[in-house]
Amino acid sequence: MDVVAQLGKNVRRLRIGAGLSQEELAFRAQMKRGYLSDLERGTRNPSVRALGRIAEALAVPPSRLLE
């Protein structure tokens, strides 16, 4: 599996595990819900800044998004 697809899968898993909707996570990470949706589907390459915001919103280290 490529790294973008793995990232999307991990973000979705962690988001659901935290009991958050895409809309709520996007709000906490200061991004648009559509962008987050694209990331979860593996159709968008995230910036380093976006990874940091998502990790912070999920209260996990950024490396956890790429495991």
PDB file of N, CA and C in Angstrom:
ATOM      1  N   MET A   1       0.853  -1.175   0.000  1.00  0.00           N
ATOM      2  CA  MET A   1       0.000   0.000   0.000  1.00  0.00           C
ATOM      3  C   MET A   1       0.899   1.238   0.000  1.00  0.00           C
ATOM      4  N   ASP A   2       0.547   2.231  -0.815  1.00  0.00           N
ATOM      5  CA  ASP A   2       1.394   3.424  -0.841  1.00  0.00           C
ATOM      6  C   ASP A   2       1.166   4.290   0.393  1.00  0.00           C
ATOM      7  N   VAL A   3       2.091   5.191   0.642  1.00  0.00           N
ATOM      8  CA  VAL A   3       2.090   5.973   1.879  1.00  0.00           C
ATOM      9  C   VAL A   3       0.867   6.893   1.985  1.00  0.00           C
ATOM     10  N   VAL A   4       0.378   7.439   0.870  1.00  0.00           N
ATOM     11  CA  VAL A   4      -0.792   8.324   0.907  1.00  0.00           C
ATOM     12  C   VAL A   4      -2.043   7.537   1.290  1.00  0.00           C
ATOM     13  N   ALA A   5      -2.189   6.353   0.725  1.00  0.00           N
ATOM     14  CA  ALA A   5      -3.336   5.503   1.071  1.00  0.00           C
ATOM     15  C   ALA A   5      -3.262   5.067   2.525  1.00  0.00           C
ATOM     16  N   GLN A   6      -2.064   4.712   2.988  1.00  0.00           N
ATOM     17  CA  GLN A   6      -1.890   4.305   4.384  1.00  0.00           C
ATOM     18  C   GLN A   6      -2.212   5.453   5.333  1.00  0.00           C
ATOM     19  N   LEU A   7      -1.760   6.647   4.991  1.00  0.00           N
ATOM     20  CA  LEU A   7      -2.069   7.824   5.795  1.00  0.00           C
ATOM     21  C   LEU A   7      -3.580   8.010   5.913  1.00  0.00           C
ATOM     22  N   GLY A   8      -4.274   7.947   4.789  1.00  0.00           N
ATOM     23  CA  GLY A   8      -5.722   8.125   4.799  1.00  0.00           C
ATOM     24  C   GLY A   8      -6.424   7.090   5.653  1.00  0.00           C
ATOM     25  N   LYS A   9      -5.981   5.857   5.539  1.00  0.00           N
ATOM     26  CA  LYS A   9      -6.565   4.774   6.334  1.00  0.00           C
ATOM     27  C   LYS A   9      -6.345   5.021   7.825  1.00  0.00           C
ATOM     28  N   ASN A  10      -5.143   5.463   8.186  1.00  0.00           N
ATOM     29  CA  ASN A  10      -4.836   5.732   9.591  1.00  0.00           C
ATOM     30  C   ASN A  10      -5.623   6.917  10.138  1.00  0.00           C
ATOM     31  N   VAL A  11      -5.740   7.982   9.352  1.00  0.00           N
ATOM     32  CA  VAL A  11      -6.505   9.146   9.799  1.00  0.00           C
ATOM     33  C   VAL A  11      -7.955   8.739  10.053  1.00  0.00           C
ATOM     34  N   ARG A  12      -8.527   7.994   9.133  1.00  0.00           N
ATOM     35  CA  ARG A  12      -9.922   7.569   9.291  1.00  0.00           C
ATOM     36  C   ARG A  12     -10.092   6.692  10.536  1.00  0.00           C
ATOM     37  N   ARG A  13      -9.185   5.741  10.710  1.00  0.00           N
ATOM     38  CA  ARG A  13      -9.261   4.838  11.863  1.00  0.00           C
ATOM     39  C   ARG A  13      -9.150   5.606  13.177  1.00  0.00           C
ATOM     40  N   LEU A  14      -8.191   6.517  13.249  1.00  0.00           N
ATOM     41  CA  LEU A  14      -7.999   7.304  14.465  1.00  0.00           C
ATOM     42  C   LEU A  14      -9.166   8.258  14.715  1.00  0.00           C
ATOM     43  N   ARG A  15      -9.692   8.828  13.644  1.00  0.00           N
ATOM     44  CA  ARG A  15     -10.832   9.739  13.769  1.00  0.00           C
ATOM     45  C   ARG A  15     -12.049   9.012  14.317  1.00  0.00           C
ATOM     46  N   ILE A  16     -12.337   7.861  13.754  1.00  0.00           N
ATOM     47  CA  ILE A  16     -13.490   7.074  14.214  1.00  0.00           C
ATOM     48  C   ILE A  16     -13.258   6.599  15.643  1.00  0.00           C
ATOM     49  N   GLY A  17     -12.044   6.175  15.939  1.00  0.00           N
ATOM     50  CA  GLY A  17     -11.714   5.750  17.291  1.00  0.00           C
ATOM     51  C   GLY A  17     -11.890   6.855  18.320  1.00  0.00           C
ATOM     52  N   ALA A  18     -11.690   8.094  17.891  1.00  0.00           N
ATOM     53  CA  ALA A  18     -11.861   9.243  18.783  1.00  0.00           C
ATOM     54  C   ALA A  18     -13.315   9.708  18.830  1.00  0.00           C
ATOM     55  N   GLY A  19     -14.170   9.067  18.035  1.00  0.00           N
ATOM     56  CA  GLY A  19     -15.585   9.436  18.028  1.00  0.00           C
ATOM     57  C   GLY A  19     -15.858  10.762  17.345  1.00  0.00           C
ATOM     58  N   LEU A  20     -15.039  11.117  16.352  1.00  0.00           N
ATOM     59  CA  LEU A  20     -15.192  12.392  15.668  1.00  0.00           C
ATOM     60  C   LEU A  20     -15.737  12.207  14.263  1.00  0.00           C
ATOM     61  N   SER A  21     -16.569  13.123  13.836  1.00  0.00           N
ATOM     62  CA  SER A  21     -17.017  13.161  12.441  1.00  0.00           C
ATOM     63  C   SER A  21     -15.916  13.835  11.620  1.00  0.00           C
ATOM     64  N   GLN A  22     -15.988  13.681  10.308  1.00  0.00           N
ATOM     65  CA  GLN A  22     -15.027  14.387   9.459  1.00  0.00           C
ATOM     66  C   GLN A  22     -15.143  15.887   9.674  1.00  0.00           C
ATOM     67  N   GLU A  23     -16.360  16.360   9.815  1.00  0.00           N
ATOM     68  CA  GLU A  23     -16.574  17.789  10.005  1.00  0.00           C
ATOM     69  C   GLU A  23     -15.916  18.291  11.293  1.00  0.00           C
ATOM     70  N   GLU A  24     -16.062  17.541  12.369  1.00  0.00           N
ATOM     71  CA  GLU A  24     -15.475  17.958  13.647  1.00  0.00           C
ATOM     72  C   GLU A  24     -13.954  17.914  13.591  1.00  0.00           C
ATOM     73  N   LEU A  25     -13.389  16.862  13.015  1.00  0.00           N
ATOM     74  CA  LEU A  25     -11.931  16.790  12.910  1.00  0.00           C
ATOM     75  C   LEU A  25     -11.401  17.912  12.024  1.00  0.00           C
ATOM     76  N   ALA A  26     -12.071  18.166  10.918  1.00  0.00           N
ATOM     77  CA  ALA A  26     -11.649  19.250  10.029  1.00  0.00           C
ATOM     78  C   ALA A  26     -11.672  20.591  10.766  1.00  0.00           C
ATOM     79  N   PHE A  27     -12.705  20.826  11.552  1.00  0.00           N
ATOM     80  CA  PHE A  27     -12.798  22.060  12.330  1.00  0.00           C
ATOM     81  C   PHE A  27     -11.627  22.166  13.307  1.00  0.00           C
ATOM     82  N   ARG A  28     -11.366  21.093  14.030  1.00  0.00           N
ATOM     83  CA  ARG A  28     -10.272  21.097  15.012  1.00  0.00           C
ATOM     84  C   ARG A  28      -8.909  21.268  14.349  1.00  0.00           C
ATOM     85  N   ALA A  29      -8.771  20.739  13.138  1.00  0.00           N
ATOM     86  CA  ALA A  29      -7.499  20.824  12.418  1.00  0.00           C
ATOM     87  C   ALA A  29      -7.415  22.067  11.528  1.00  0.00           C
ATOM     88  N   GLN A  30      -8.433  22.911  11.573  1.00  0.00           N
ATOM     89  CA  GLN A  30      -8.483  24.148  10.790  1.00  0.00           C
ATOM     90  C   GLN A  30      -8.309  23.908   9.300  1.00  0.00           C
ATOM     91  N   MET A  31      -9.128  22.985   8.778  1.00  0.00           N
ATOM     92  CA  MET A  31      -9.125  22.713   7.348  1.00  0.00           C
ATOM     93  C   MET A  31     -10.549  22.429   6.889  1.00  0.00           C
ATOM     94  N   LYS A  32     -10.742  22.379   5.603  1.00  0.00           N
ATOM     95  CA  LYS A  32     -12.070  22.103   5.056  1.00  0.00           C
ATOM     96  C   LYS A  32     -12.356  20.611   5.114  1.00  0.00           C
ATOM     97  N   ARG A  33     -13.628  20.282   5.319  1.00  0.00           N
ATOM     98  CA  ARG A  33     -14.021  18.892   5.408  1.00  0.00           C
ATOM     99  C   ARG A  33     -13.701  18.146   4.110  1.00  0.00           C
ATOM    100  N   GLY A  34     -13.879  18.796   2.981  1.00  0.00           N
ATOM    101  CA  GLY A  34     -13.581  18.159   1.697  1.00  0.00           C
ATOM    102  C   GLY A  34     -12.124  17.764   1.563  1.00  0.00           C
ATOM    103  N   TYR A  35     -11.236  18.599   2.080  1.00  0.00           N
ATOM    104  CA  TYR A  35      -9.799  18.294   2.055  1.00  0.00           C
ATOM    105  C   TYR A  35      -9.523  17.058   2.905  1.00  0.00           C
ATOM    106  N   LEU A  36     -10.127  17.014   4.098  1.00  0.00           N
ATOM    107  CA  LEU A  36      -9.949  15.863   4.979  1.00  0.00           C
ATOM    108  C   LEU A  36     -10.502  14.597   4.334  1.00  0.00           C
ATOM    109  N   SER A  37     -11.645  14.722   3.697  1.00  0.00           N
ATOM    110  CA  SER A  37     -12.241  13.582   3.001  1.00  0.00           C
ATOM    111  C   SER A  37     -11.304  13.057   1.911  1.00  0.00           C
ATOM    112  N   ASP A  38     -10.725  13.978   1.145  1.00  0.00           N
ATOM    113  CA  ASP A  38      -9.769  13.583   0.099  1.00  0.00           C
ATOM    114  C   ASP A  38      -8.556  12.870   0.711  1.00  0.00           C
ATOM    115  N   LEU A  39      -8.079  13.358   1.843  1.00  0.00           N
ATOM    116  CA  LEU A  39      -6.942  12.713   2.510  1.00  0.00           C
ATOM    117  C   LEU A  39      -7.297  11.295   2.931  1.00  0.00           C
ATOM    118  N   GLU A  40      -8.478  11.136   3.529  1.00  0.00           N
ATOM    119  CA  GLU A  40      -8.888   9.804   3.992  1.00  0.00           C
ATOM    120  C   GLU A  40      -9.052   8.830   2.829  1.00  0.00           C
ATOM    121  N   ARG A  41      -9.449   9.316   1.677  1.00  0.00           N
ATOM    122  CA  ARG A  41      -9.608   8.448   0.506  1.00  0.00           C
ATOM    123  C   ARG A  41      -8.300   8.232  -0.241  1.00  0.00           C
ATOM    124  N   GLY A  42      -7.256   8.939   0.182  1.00  0.00           N
ATOM    125  CA  GLY A  42      -5.948   8.773  -0.461  1.00  0.00           C
ATOM    126  C   GLY A  42      -5.845   9.432  -1.812  1.00  0.00           C
ATOM    127  N   THR A  43      -6.677  10.447  -2.061  1.00  0.00           N
ATOM    128  CA  THR A  43      -6.659  11.116  -3.359  1.00  0.00           C
ATOM    129  C   THR A  43      -5.984  12.476  -3.315  1.00  0.00           C
ATOM    130  N   ARG A  44      -5.461  12.838  -2.161  1.00  0.00           N
ATOM    131  CA  ARG A  44      -4.786  14.128  -2.024  1.00  0.00           C
ATOM    132  C   ARG A  44      -3.496  13.929  -1.248  1.00  0.00           C
ATOM    133  N   ASN A  45      -2.437  14.584  -1.701  1.00  0.00           N
ATOM    134  CA  ASN A  45      -1.163  14.548  -0.983  1.00  0.00           C
ATOM    135  C   ASN A  45      -1.174  15.654   0.068  1.00  0.00           C
ATOM    136  N   PRO A  46      -1.020  15.301   1.324  1.00  0.00           N
ATOM    137  CA  PRO A  46      -1.074  16.312   2.375  1.00  0.00           C
ATOM    138  C   PRO A  46       0.236  17.085   2.511  1.00  0.00           C
ATOM    139  N   SER A  47       0.120  18.286   2.998  1.00  0.00           N
ATOM    140  CA  SER A  47       1.314  19.063   3.322  1.00  0.00           C
ATOM    141  C   SER A  47       1.792  18.641   4.712  1.00  0.00           C
ATOM    142  N   VAL A  48       3.010  18.991   5.028  1.00  0.00           N
ATOM    143  CA  VAL A  48       3.551  18.709   6.360  1.00  0.00           C
ATOM    144  C   VAL A  48       2.721  19.454   7.405  1.00  0.00           C
ATOM    145  N   ARG A  49       2.330  20.676   7.081  1.00  0.00           N
ATOM    146  CA  ARG A  49       1.501  21.470   7.998  1.00  0.00           C
ATOM    147  C   ARG A  49       0.169  20.764   8.265  1.00  0.00           C
ATOM    148  N   ALA A  50      -0.453  20.221   7.222  1.00  0.00           N
ATOM    149  CA  ALA A  50      -1.724  19.510   7.394  1.00  0.00           C
ATOM    150  C   ALA A  50      -1.546  18.289   8.292  1.00  0.00           C
ATOM    151  N   LEU A  51      -0.460  17.553   8.098  1.00  0.00           N
ATOM    152  CA  LEU A  51      -0.195  16.392   8.953  1.00  0.00           C
ATOM    153  C   LEU A  51      -0.072  16.810  10.413  1.00  0.00           C
ATOM    154  N   GLY A  52       0.632  17.897  10.651  1.00  0.00           N
ATOM    155  CA  GLY A  52       0.791  18.393  12.012  1.00  0.00           C
ATOM    156  C   GLY A  52      -0.532  18.803  12.632  1.00  0.00           C
ATOM    157  N   ARG A  53      -1.375  19.466  11.861  1.00  0.00           N
ATOM    158  CA  ARG A  53      -2.681  19.897  12.371  1.00  0.00           C
ATOM    159  C   ARG A  53      -3.586  18.711  12.684  1.00  0.00           C
ATOM    160  N   ILE A  54      -3.583  17.727  11.802  1.00  0.00           N
ATOM    161  CA  ILE A  54      -4.413  16.542  12.026  1.00  0.00           C
ATOM    162  C   ILE A  54      -3.932  15.788  13.259  1.00  0.00           C
ATOM    163  N   ALA A  55      -2.624  15.594  13.354  1.00  0.00           N
ATOM    164  CA  ALA A  55      -2.069  14.884  14.507  1.00  0.00           C
ATOM    165  C   ALA A  55      -2.419  15.607  15.803  1.00  0.00           C
ATOM    166  N   GLU A  56      -2.279  16.919  15.807  1.00  0.00           N
ATOM    167  CA  GLU A  56      -2.605  17.691  17.008  1.00  0.00           C
ATOM    168  C   GLU A  56      -4.093  17.570  17.343  1.00  0.00           C
ATOM    169  N   ALA A  57      -4.952  17.639  16.340  1.00  0.00           N
ATOM    170  CA  ALA A  57      -6.393  17.532  16.564  1.00  0.00           C
ATOM    171  C   ALA A  57      -6.781  16.151  17.091  1.00  0.00           C
ATOM    172  N   LEU A  58      -6.018  15.124  16.705  1.00  0.00           N
ATOM    173  CA  LEU A  58      -6.280  13.767  17.176  1.00  0.00           C
ATOM    174  C   LEU A  58      -5.499  13.424  18.445  1.00  0.00           C
ATOM    175  N   ALA A  59      -4.656  14.353  18.886  1.00  0.00           N
ATOM    176  CA  ALA A  59      -3.817  14.166  20.074  1.00  0.00           C
ATOM    177  C   ALA A  59      -2.918  12.937  19.960  1.00  0.00           C
ATOM    178  N   VAL A  60      -2.275  12.819  18.787  1.00  0.00           N
ATOM    179  CA  VAL A  60      -1.311  11.740  18.542  1.00  0.00           C
ATOM    180  C   VAL A  60      -0.049  12.350  17.931  1.00  0.00           C
ATOM    181  N   PRO A  61       1.093  11.668  18.061  1.00  0.00           N
ATOM    182  CA  PRO A  61       2.293  12.178  17.388  1.00  0.00           C
ATOM    183  C   PRO A  61       2.123  12.033  15.871  1.00  0.00           C
ATOM    184  N   PRO A  62       2.670  12.959  15.090  1.00  0.00           N
ATOM    185  CA  PRO A  62       2.530  12.880  13.632  1.00  0.00           C
ATOM    186  C   PRO A  62       2.984  11.536  13.050  1.00  0.00           C
ATOM    187  N   SER A  63       3.994  10.932  13.648  1.00  0.00           N
ATOM    188  CA  SER A  63       4.482   9.652  13.131  1.00  0.00           C
ATOM    189  C   SER A  63       3.407   8.565  13.158  1.00  0.00           C
ATOM    190  N   ARG A  64       2.470   8.678  14.075  1.00  0.00           N
ATOM    191  CA  ARG A  64       1.401   7.679  14.189  1.00  0.00           C
ATOM    192  C   ARG A  64       0.515   7.667  12.953  1.00  0.00           C
ATOM    193  N   LEU A  65       0.420   8.791  12.258  1.00  0.00           N
ATOM    194  CA  LEU A  65      -0.401   8.863  11.050  1.00  0.00           C
ATOM    195  C   LEU A  65       0.207   8.072   9.901  1.00  0.00           C
ATOM    196  N   LEU A  66       1.501   7.796   9.986  1.00  0.00           N
ATOM    197  CA  LEU A  66       2.198   7.124   8.890  1.00  0.00           C
ATOM    198  C   LEU A  66       2.570   5.673   9.184  1.00  0.00           C
ATOM    199  N   GLU A  67       2.163   5.154  10.333  1.00  0.00           N
ATOM    200  CA  GLU A  67       2.511   3.773  10.700  1.00  0.00           C
ATOM    201  C   GLU A  67       1.879   2.776   9.764  1.00  0.00           C
TER     202      GLU A  67
END
